[in-house]
Amino acid sequence: MHEMISIVFKRPFIVIVLVFIISRLVNFSLFFAFDEINGIEYECLSERVISYSSKIDSKYYIQLANSGYSPSQADMEKGATVYAFYPAYPALMRIVSQIFGIQEDLSGIFLSNTFLLLSLFLLRKYCENRGLSKNAVFMAVTLLAFCPENFIFSAIYTESMFLMLSLLALVSFETKRYWLSCFFVGFLSAVRTNGVFIAIFFVFEMLGGVVDVYRRNESVKKYLMDNSSKLLPIVFAPLGIFIFWWICFINVGDAFAQSSTVFAGWDRRLVPPFSSLLDYFQGGFHRKFWTLGSLFYFCVSFLLIRHKWYKDFAYCFANFLLFYSANIPDSLLRYCLVLFPVYAILAALGDKKSIFFILVLGAFLVINAIICIGWLSEHPIAA
């Protein structure tokens, strides 16, 4: 198997595109089969694609792309407003829609799939920067493309955009394109709150340099001055959040409208990290499923320490601290999908044990098929 993968990976561009296409076709086939079994018909292909990609929270992004934030906007559900959702993704949906003259929902689908494809290429670069073999790089890309609930990367959701910007910010920084990294970092926190956590990589980089300089009895001040450009992405990290606060304040007079509507509409509030973890298992099956799925990602992340990928582990752990600071486990598995270091470390293990990679990929495929059914029926398991 190793030899076969090595031969195939002589053309990495083609391989990654094929992985992308096959993973999307698998999801489409599952969706199509479900509709055929249930006798659901559509007038045209575009209507079918839109239906597959615009479930549950997608309606909020579509409304934002259509009409933006408005103080007079009616709640879609009791207490639930568009202010729960950050502006970057729907703004791009609107721009693409106007440029190409297509519906906002179609522009969202186009963006999500484009971002996913770019993320697969960027994950390859990220893995190569960490010394993974060509076999392991291929495995990481495959695991990301076929991970449980991977269809969300093609839906009108922010996962694929968040993933792409995270990798762009990190890869730009690691290739010493610091100003470019600043742009992606600032943009990232306008997609989701935890976008600021990408700065953890940069903080570790600077701290590591300071420690090395101190051990050599050299001037720490001079080191910081010489490497001041590395500090810029850290400064830019919360820019997107500040912009969203400003938008909220201008529209409704409440800079923290996002937190308010999340509490009122979704009953989500912050609690001490991990304090509600056991309570998560008290809900229905879907909440147990979310919790167990997220715990899989959480446990795997500790393998990053074994490989001395300390920055990567710190990034994942910061995200888990936020995820497990919610009073309810809603969407926990979906939140974990963007933690790209997990796929890299799983691939690093699979590089030495192909059977391990095959078992993980097989489990991913089965779980994804189950969630696909939940997605089409808008069951909470796919929320």
Protein backbone atom coordinates (compact mmCIF):
# COMPACT_ATOMS: atom_id res chain seq x y z
CA MET A 1 0.00 0.00 0.00
CA HIS A 2 2.84 2.38 0.82
CA GLU A 3 4.37 1.87 -2.62
CA MET A 4 1.06 2.46 -4.35
CA ILE A 5 0.45 5.71 -2.45
CA SER A 6 3.99 6.87 -3.21
CA ILE A 7 3.43 6.37 -6.94
CA VAL A 8 0.08 8.13 -6.85
CA PHE A 9 1.45 11.05 -4.89
CA LYS A 10 3.91 11.93 -7.60
CA ARG A 11 1.00 14.05 -8.86
CA PRO A 12 -0.27 15.60 -5.59
CA PHE A 13 -2.42 18.25 -7.29
CA ILE A 14 -4.44 15.65 -9.16
CA VAL A 15 -4.67 13.41 -6.09
CA ILE A 16 -6.04 16.16 -3.87
CA VAL A 17 -8.59 17.23 -6.48
CA LEU A 18 -9.67 13.59 -6.84
CA VAL A 19 -10.02 13.19 -3.07
CA PHE A 20 -12.16 16.32 -3.01
CA ILE A 21 -14.38 15.20 -5.89
CA ILE A 22 -14.82 11.65 -4.61
CA SER A 23 -15.69 12.82 -1.08
CA ARG A 24 -18.33 15.21 -2.48
CA LEU A 25 -19.75 12.51 -4.78
CA VAL A 26 -20.02 10.08 -1.87
CA ASN A 27 -22.14 12.57 0.06
CA PHE A 28 -24.24 13.44 -2.97
CA SER A 29 -24.86 9.74 -3.63
CA LEU A 30 -26.01 9.20 -0.05
CA PHE A 31 -28.33 12.19 -0.26
CA PHE A 32 -29.66 11.08 -3.64
CA ALA A 33 -30.30 7.54 -2.42
CA PHE A 34 -32.19 8.86 0.61
CA ASP A 35 -34.45 10.96 -1.63
CA GLU A 36 -35.06 8.06 -4.02
CA ILE A 37 -36.04 5.76 -1.16
CA ASN A 38 -38.42 8.37 0.23
CA GLY A 39 -39.82 9.41 -3.15
CA ILE A 40 -38.58 13.01 -2.94
CA GLU A 41 -38.25 14.73 -6.32
CA TYR A 42 -36.83 18.05 -7.50
CA GLU A 43 -37.51 20.14 -10.59
CA CYS A 44 -33.84 20.60 -11.43
CA LEU A 45 -30.32 19.76 -10.25
CA SER A 46 -29.69 23.22 -8.76
CA GLU A 47 -32.80 22.90 -6.59
CA ARG A 48 -31.57 19.52 -5.37
CA VAL A 49 -28.08 20.85 -4.57
CA ILE A 50 -29.50 23.86 -2.74
CA SER A 51 -31.76 21.59 -0.70
CA TYR A 52 -28.82 19.37 0.27
CA SER A 53 -26.71 22.34 1.34
CA SER A 54 -29.13 24.69 3.10
CA LYS A 55 -30.44 22.89 6.16
CA ILE A 56 -30.82 24.02 9.78
CA ASP A 57 -28.68 27.16 10.50
CA SER A 58 -28.00 27.82 6.81
CA LYS A 59 -31.14 29.98 6.72
CA TYR A 60 -29.44 32.56 8.94
CA TYR A 61 -26.47 32.94 6.60
CA ILE A 62 -28.80 33.21 3.61
CA GLN A 63 -30.82 35.92 5.33
CA LEU A 64 -27.65 37.81 6.26
CA ALA A 65 -26.42 37.58 2.68
CA ASN A 66 -29.78 38.86 1.46
CA SER A 67 -30.43 41.73 3.86
CA GLY A 68 -27.55 42.01 6.35
CA TYR A 69 -27.98 42.98 9.98
CA SER A 70 -31.03 45.06 10.80
CA PRO A 71 -32.40 46.37 14.12
CA SER A 72 -35.93 45.61 12.91
CA GLN A 73 -35.24 42.05 11.86
CA ALA A 74 -37.78 39.56 13.16
CA ASP A 75 -36.58 36.51 15.08
CA MET A 76 -36.61 33.32 12.99
CA GLU A 77 -37.21 31.41 16.20
CA LYS A 78 -37.98 32.68 19.67
CA GLY A 79 -35.02 34.81 20.72
CA ALA A 80 -32.90 33.53 17.82
CA THR A 81 -31.62 36.28 15.52
CA VAL A 82 -28.98 36.68 12.83
CA TYR A 83 -26.78 38.47 15.38
CA ALA A 84 -25.66 35.05 16.59
CA PHE A 85 -23.67 34.70 13.37
CA TYR A 86 -20.47 36.48 12.40
CA PRO A 87 -20.37 38.65 9.25
CA ALA A 88 -17.44 37.47 7.09
CA TYR A 89 -19.04 34.45 5.40
CA PRO A 90 -22.44 35.99 4.53
CA ALA A 91 -20.69 39.16 3.33
CA LEU A 92 -18.65 37.08 0.87
CA MET A 93 -21.82 35.26 -0.18
CA ARG A 94 -23.41 38.58 -1.05
CA ILE A 95 -20.34 39.80 -2.96
CA VAL A 96 -20.07 36.61 -5.03
CA SER A 97 -23.80 36.67 -5.68
CA GLN A 98 -23.63 40.21 -7.06
CA ILE A 99 -20.50 39.59 -9.13
CA PHE A 100 -21.79 36.45 -10.85
CA GLY A 101 -25.50 37.26 -10.76
CA ILE A 102 -26.49 34.09 -8.90
CA GLN A 103 -28.63 33.40 -5.86
CA GLU A 104 -27.07 33.95 -2.45
CA ASP A 105 -27.56 30.30 -1.51
CA LEU A 106 -25.73 29.13 -4.63
CA SER A 107 -22.89 31.55 -3.91
CA GLY A 108 -22.63 30.10 -0.40
CA ILE A 109 -22.38 26.57 -1.78
CA PHE A 110 -19.75 27.65 -4.30
CA LEU A 111 -17.69 29.38 -1.59
CA SER A 112 -17.86 26.48 0.86
CA ASN A 113 -16.69 23.93 -1.70
CA THR A 114 -13.94 26.22 -2.96
CA PHE A 115 -12.72 26.82 0.58
CA LEU A 116 -12.69 23.08 1.27
CA LEU A 117 -10.60 22.34 -1.82
CA LEU A 118 -8.11 25.05 -0.85
CA SER A 119 -8.04 23.69 2.71
CA LEU A 120 -6.99 20.28 1.43
CA PHE A 121 -4.04 21.84 -0.41
CA LEU A 122 -3.12 23.92 2.62
CA LEU A 123 -3.32 20.89 4.91
CA ARG A 124 -0.77 19.23 2.66
CA LYS A 125 1.60 22.17 3.21
CA TYR A 126 0.95 22.16 6.96
CA CYS A 127 1.77 18.44 7.16
CA GLU A 128 4.91 18.81 5.09
CA ASN A 129 6.09 21.60 7.41
CA ARG A 130 5.83 19.10 10.25
CA GLY A 131 7.95 16.50 8.51
CA LEU A 132 5.24 14.03 7.57
CA SER A 133 5.99 11.60 4.76
CA LYS A 134 4.12 11.72 1.45
CA ASN A 135 2.07 8.74 2.57
CA ALA A 136 1.05 10.46 5.79
CA VAL A 137 0.22 13.69 3.95
CA PHE A 138 -2.10 11.77 1.65
CA MET A 139 -3.72 10.11 4.67
CA ALA A 140 -4.27 13.43 6.46
CA VAL A 141 -5.90 14.99 3.39
CA THR A 142 -8.12 11.92 2.99
CA LEU A 143 -9.18 11.87 6.64
CA LEU A 144 -10.15 15.53 6.50
CA ALA A 145 -12.15 15.10 3.29
CA PHE A 146 -14.01 12.03 4.63
CA CYS A 147 -14.31 12.93 8.33
CA PRO A 148 -17.66 12.47 10.09
CA GLU A 149 -20.17 15.15 9.02
CA ASN A 150 -17.79 16.29 6.28
CA PHE A 151 -20.78 17.30 4.15
CA ILE A 152 -20.95 20.41 6.35
CA PHE A 153 -17.84 21.65 4.51
CA SER A 154 -19.99 21.90 1.36
CA ALA A 155 -23.06 23.35 3.08
CA ILE A 156 -23.92 26.98 3.71
CA TYR A 157 -21.97 26.94 6.95
CA THR A 158 -18.69 28.54 8.02
CA GLU A 159 -16.64 25.39 8.69
CA SER A 160 -14.76 25.30 5.38
CA MET A 161 -14.03 29.04 5.44
CA PHE A 162 -12.80 28.85 9.03
CA LEU A 163 -10.59 25.88 8.21
CA MET A 164 -9.09 27.54 5.14
CA LEU A 165 -8.35 30.85 6.87
CA SER A 166 -6.82 29.04 9.88
CA LEU A 167 -4.43 27.16 7.62
CA LEU A 168 -3.71 30.22 5.47
CA ALA A 169 -2.84 32.29 8.55
CA LEU A 170 -0.56 29.56 9.91
CA VAL A 171 1.14 28.61 6.64
CA SER A 172 1.71 32.30 5.82
CA PHE A 173 3.34 32.80 9.21
CA GLU A 174 5.51 29.70 8.91
CA THR A 175 6.72 30.83 5.47
CA LYS A 176 7.59 34.27 6.93
CA ARG A 177 4.80 36.16 5.13
CA TYR A 178 3.83 37.97 8.30
CA TRP A 179 1.78 40.80 6.78
CA LEU A 180 -0.22 38.31 4.77
CA SER A 181 -0.76 36.30 7.92
CA CYS A 182 -2.09 39.45 9.62
CA PHE A 183 -4.79 39.76 6.96
CA PHE A 184 -5.93 36.15 7.30
CA VAL A 185 -5.80 36.25 11.11
CA GLY A 186 -7.95 39.38 11.28
CA PHE A 187 -10.40 37.93 8.76
CA LEU A 188 -10.57 34.65 10.67
CA SER A 189 -11.96 36.16 13.87
CA ALA A 190 -14.78 37.69 11.79
CA VAL A 191 -15.88 34.14 10.98
CA ARG A 192 -16.02 32.75 14.53
CA THR A 193 -14.96 33.80 18.00
CA ASN A 194 -12.36 31.04 18.36
CA GLY A 195 -10.58 32.38 15.30
CA VAL A 196 -8.38 34.32 17.73
CA PHE A 197 -6.87 31.05 18.96
CA ILE A 198 -4.73 30.74 15.84
CA ALA A 199 -2.51 33.35 17.52
CA ILE A 200 -1.44 30.62 19.96
CA PHE A 201 0.90 29.27 17.28
CA PHE A 202 2.53 32.68 16.96
CA VAL A 203 2.79 33.22 20.71
CA PHE A 204 4.56 29.87 21.10
CA GLU A 205 6.91 30.78 18.26
CA MET A 206 7.89 34.04 19.95
CA LEU A 207 8.20 32.51 23.40
CA GLY A 208 10.39 29.74 22.03
CA GLY A 209 12.67 32.34 20.44
CA VAL A 210 12.85 34.35 23.65
CA VAL A 211 13.77 31.26 25.67
CA ASP A 212 16.53 30.32 23.19
CA VAL A 213 17.97 33.84 23.26
CA TYR A 214 17.86 33.92 27.06
CA ARG A 215 19.70 30.59 27.28
CA ARG A 216 22.42 31.94 25.04
CA ASN A 217 22.70 35.02 27.27
CA GLU A 218 21.83 37.28 24.36
CA SER A 219 19.65 40.38 24.42
CA VAL A 220 15.96 39.52 24.61
CA LYS A 221 15.08 43.13 23.80
CA LYS A 222 17.13 43.02 20.61
CA TYR A 223 15.51 39.74 19.62
CA LEU A 224 12.03 41.22 20.06
CA MET A 225 12.96 44.30 18.06
CA ASP A 226 14.49 42.25 15.26
CA ASN A 227 11.42 40.00 15.14
CA SER A 228 8.74 42.61 15.75
CA SER A 229 7.00 41.63 12.51
CA LYS A 230 6.21 38.26 14.09
CA LEU A 231 4.18 40.07 16.74
CA LEU A 232 1.84 41.70 14.23
CA PRO A 233 -0.38 38.66 13.57
CA ILE A 234 -0.93 38.37 17.34
CA VAL A 235 -2.09 42.00 17.47
CA PHE A 236 -4.41 41.51 14.50
CA ALA A 237 -6.03 38.33 15.90
CA PRO A 238 -9.08 39.97 17.56
CA LEU A 239 -9.71 42.48 14.74
CA GLY A 240 -12.68 40.58 13.28
CA ILE A 241 -14.35 40.35 16.70
CA PHE A 242 -13.94 44.09 17.24
CA ILE A 243 -15.53 44.77 13.85
CA PHE A 244 -18.47 42.51 14.68
CA TRP A 245 -18.93 44.24 18.04
CA TRP A 246 -18.98 47.56 16.22
CA ILE A 247 -21.61 46.29 13.75
CA CYS A 248 -23.79 45.06 16.62
CA PHE A 249 -23.44 48.33 18.53
CA ILE A 250 -24.30 50.46 15.48
CA ASN A 251 -27.39 48.37 14.72
CA VAL A 252 -28.94 47.57 18.11
CA GLY A 253 -26.88 49.50 20.66
CA ASP A 254 -25.52 46.29 22.16
CA ALA A 255 -21.95 45.42 21.22
CA PHE A 256 -22.45 41.97 22.73
CA ALA A 257 -25.68 41.17 20.89
CA GLN A 258 -24.15 37.89 19.75
CA SER A 259 -23.93 36.57 23.31
CA SER A 260 -27.41 37.88 24.11
CA THR A 261 -29.15 36.16 21.23
CA VAL A 262 -27.20 32.92 21.66
CA PHE A 263 -28.48 32.79 25.24
CA ALA A 264 -32.05 33.81 24.40
CA GLY A 265 -32.46 31.77 21.23
CA TRP A 266 -30.27 28.73 21.85
CA ASP A 267 -30.05 28.66 25.66
CA ARG A 268 -26.24 28.65 25.51
CA ARG A 269 -24.18 30.24 28.26
CA LEU A 270 -20.63 29.97 29.52
CA VAL A 271 -19.80 27.81 32.52
CA PRO A 272 -16.42 26.77 34.01
CA PRO A 273 -14.56 24.50 31.53
CA PHE A 274 -15.43 20.80 31.79
CA SER A 275 -17.89 21.42 34.67
CA SER A 276 -20.85 20.31 32.54
CA LEU A 277 -19.14 17.43 30.77
CA LEU A 278 -20.96 14.73 32.73
CA ASP A 279 -24.24 16.60 32.34
CA TYR A 280 -23.88 16.38 28.54
CA PHE A 281 -24.67 12.66 28.78
CA GLN A 282 -28.03 13.37 30.46
CA GLY A 283 -29.66 14.60 27.25
CA GLY A 284 -30.99 12.66 24.29
CA PHE A 285 -29.02 10.32 22.04
CA HIS A 286 -27.84 13.14 19.79
CA ARG A 287 -26.24 14.97 22.71
CA LYS A 288 -24.46 11.82 23.84
CA PHE A 289 -23.29 11.37 20.25
CA TRP A 290 -21.95 14.93 20.05
CA THR A 291 -20.15 14.52 23.35
CA LEU A 292 -18.54 11.20 22.46
CA GLY A 293 -17.52 12.49 19.05
CA SER A 294 -15.85 15.54 20.53
CA LEU A 295 -14.12 13.42 23.17
CA PHE A 296 -12.59 11.34 20.38
CA TYR A 297 -11.00 14.49 18.92
CA PHE A 298 -10.01 15.63 22.42
CA CYS A 299 -8.26 12.35 23.28
CA VAL A 300 -6.49 12.16 19.92
CA SER A 301 -5.16 15.70 20.41
CA PHE A 302 -3.04 14.49 23.34
CA LEU A 303 -1.01 12.43 20.87
CA LEU A 304 0.33 15.76 19.61
CA ILE A 305 2.33 16.01 22.85
CA ARG A 306 3.88 12.61 22.20
CA HIS A 307 5.16 13.89 18.85
CA LYS A 308 6.32 17.14 20.51
CA TRP A 309 3.89 19.26 18.51
CA TYR A 310 3.31 21.46 21.52
CA LYS A 311 1.99 24.48 19.63
CA ASP A 312 -0.53 22.33 17.83
CA PHE A 313 -1.71 20.75 21.06
CA ALA A 314 -2.03 24.15 22.77
CA TYR A 315 -4.16 25.36 19.85
CA CYS A 316 -6.46 22.34 20.09
CA PHE A 317 -6.66 22.49 23.88
CA ALA A 318 -7.65 26.18 23.84
CA ASN A 319 -10.48 25.33 21.47
CA PHE A 320 -11.62 22.46 23.68
CA LEU A 321 -11.59 24.76 26.70
CA LEU A 322 -14.05 26.98 24.84
CA PHE A 323 -16.14 24.07 23.52
CA TYR A 324 -16.45 22.52 26.96
CA SER A 325 -17.30 25.85 28.56
CA ALA A 326 -20.83 25.66 27.17
CA ASN A 327 -23.69 24.52 29.36
CA ILE A 328 -24.99 22.25 26.58
CA PRO A 329 -23.11 20.04 24.06
CA ASP A 330 -25.01 21.16 20.96
CA SER A 331 -22.96 20.83 17.74
CA LEU A 332 -19.81 19.80 19.61
CA LEU A 333 -18.73 17.33 16.94
CA ARG A 334 -19.19 19.90 14.18
CA TYR A 335 -17.05 22.41 16.06
CA CYS A 336 -14.23 19.85 16.26
CA LEU A 337 -14.09 19.22 12.50
CA VAL A 338 -11.88 22.27 11.92
CA LEU A 339 -9.13 21.12 14.31
CA PHE A 340 -6.69 20.24 11.54
CA PRO A 341 -3.83 19.04 13.80
CA VAL A 342 -5.97 16.02 14.71
CA TYR A 343 -6.00 14.73 11.12
CA ALA A 344 -2.25 15.23 10.86
CA ILE A 345 -1.51 13.23 14.00
CA LEU A 346 -3.89 10.44 12.98
CA ALA A 347 -2.07 10.31 9.65
CA ALA A 348 1.30 10.19 11.41
CA LEU A 349 0.08 7.08 13.26
CA GLY A 350 -1.41 5.57 10.11
CA ASP A 351 1.86 6.04 8.24
CA LYS A 352 3.40 3.28 10.35
CA LYS A 353 0.25 1.16 10.66
CA SER A 354 -1.82 1.16 7.48
CA ILE A 355 -4.49 -0.98 9.13
CA PHE A 356 -5.02 1.81 11.68
CA PHE A 357 -5.61 4.32 8.89
CA ILE A 358 -8.04 1.98 7.12
CA LEU A 359 -10.02 1.37 10.34
CA VAL A 360 -10.26 5.10 11.14
CA LEU A 361 -11.29 5.96 7.59
CA GLY A 362 -13.88 3.17 7.60
CA ALA A 363 -15.34 4.41 10.88
CA PHE A 364 -15.44 7.95 9.50
CA LEU A 365 -17.35 6.78 6.43
CA VAL A 366 -19.95 4.85 8.45
CA ILE A 367 -20.53 7.66 10.93
CA ASN A 368 -20.76 10.22 8.15
CA ALA A 369 -23.39 8.11 6.35
CA ILE A 370 -25.52 8.02 9.51
CA ILE A 371 -25.25 11.78 10.01
CA CYS A 372 -26.11 12.35 6.33
CA ILE A 373 -29.53 10.83 6.96
CA GLY A 374 -29.96 13.07 10.01
CA TRP A 375 -28.96 16.11 7.95
CA LEU A 376 -31.61 15.53 5.28
CA SER A 377 -34.31 14.95 7.87
CA GLU A 378 -33.02 17.91 9.92
CA HIS A 379 -32.54 15.66 12.93
CA PRO A 380 -30.64 17.23 15.88
CA ILE A 381 -27.79 14.74 15.40
CA ALA A 382 -26.63 16.78 12.38
CA ALA A 383 -27.13 20.24 13.88
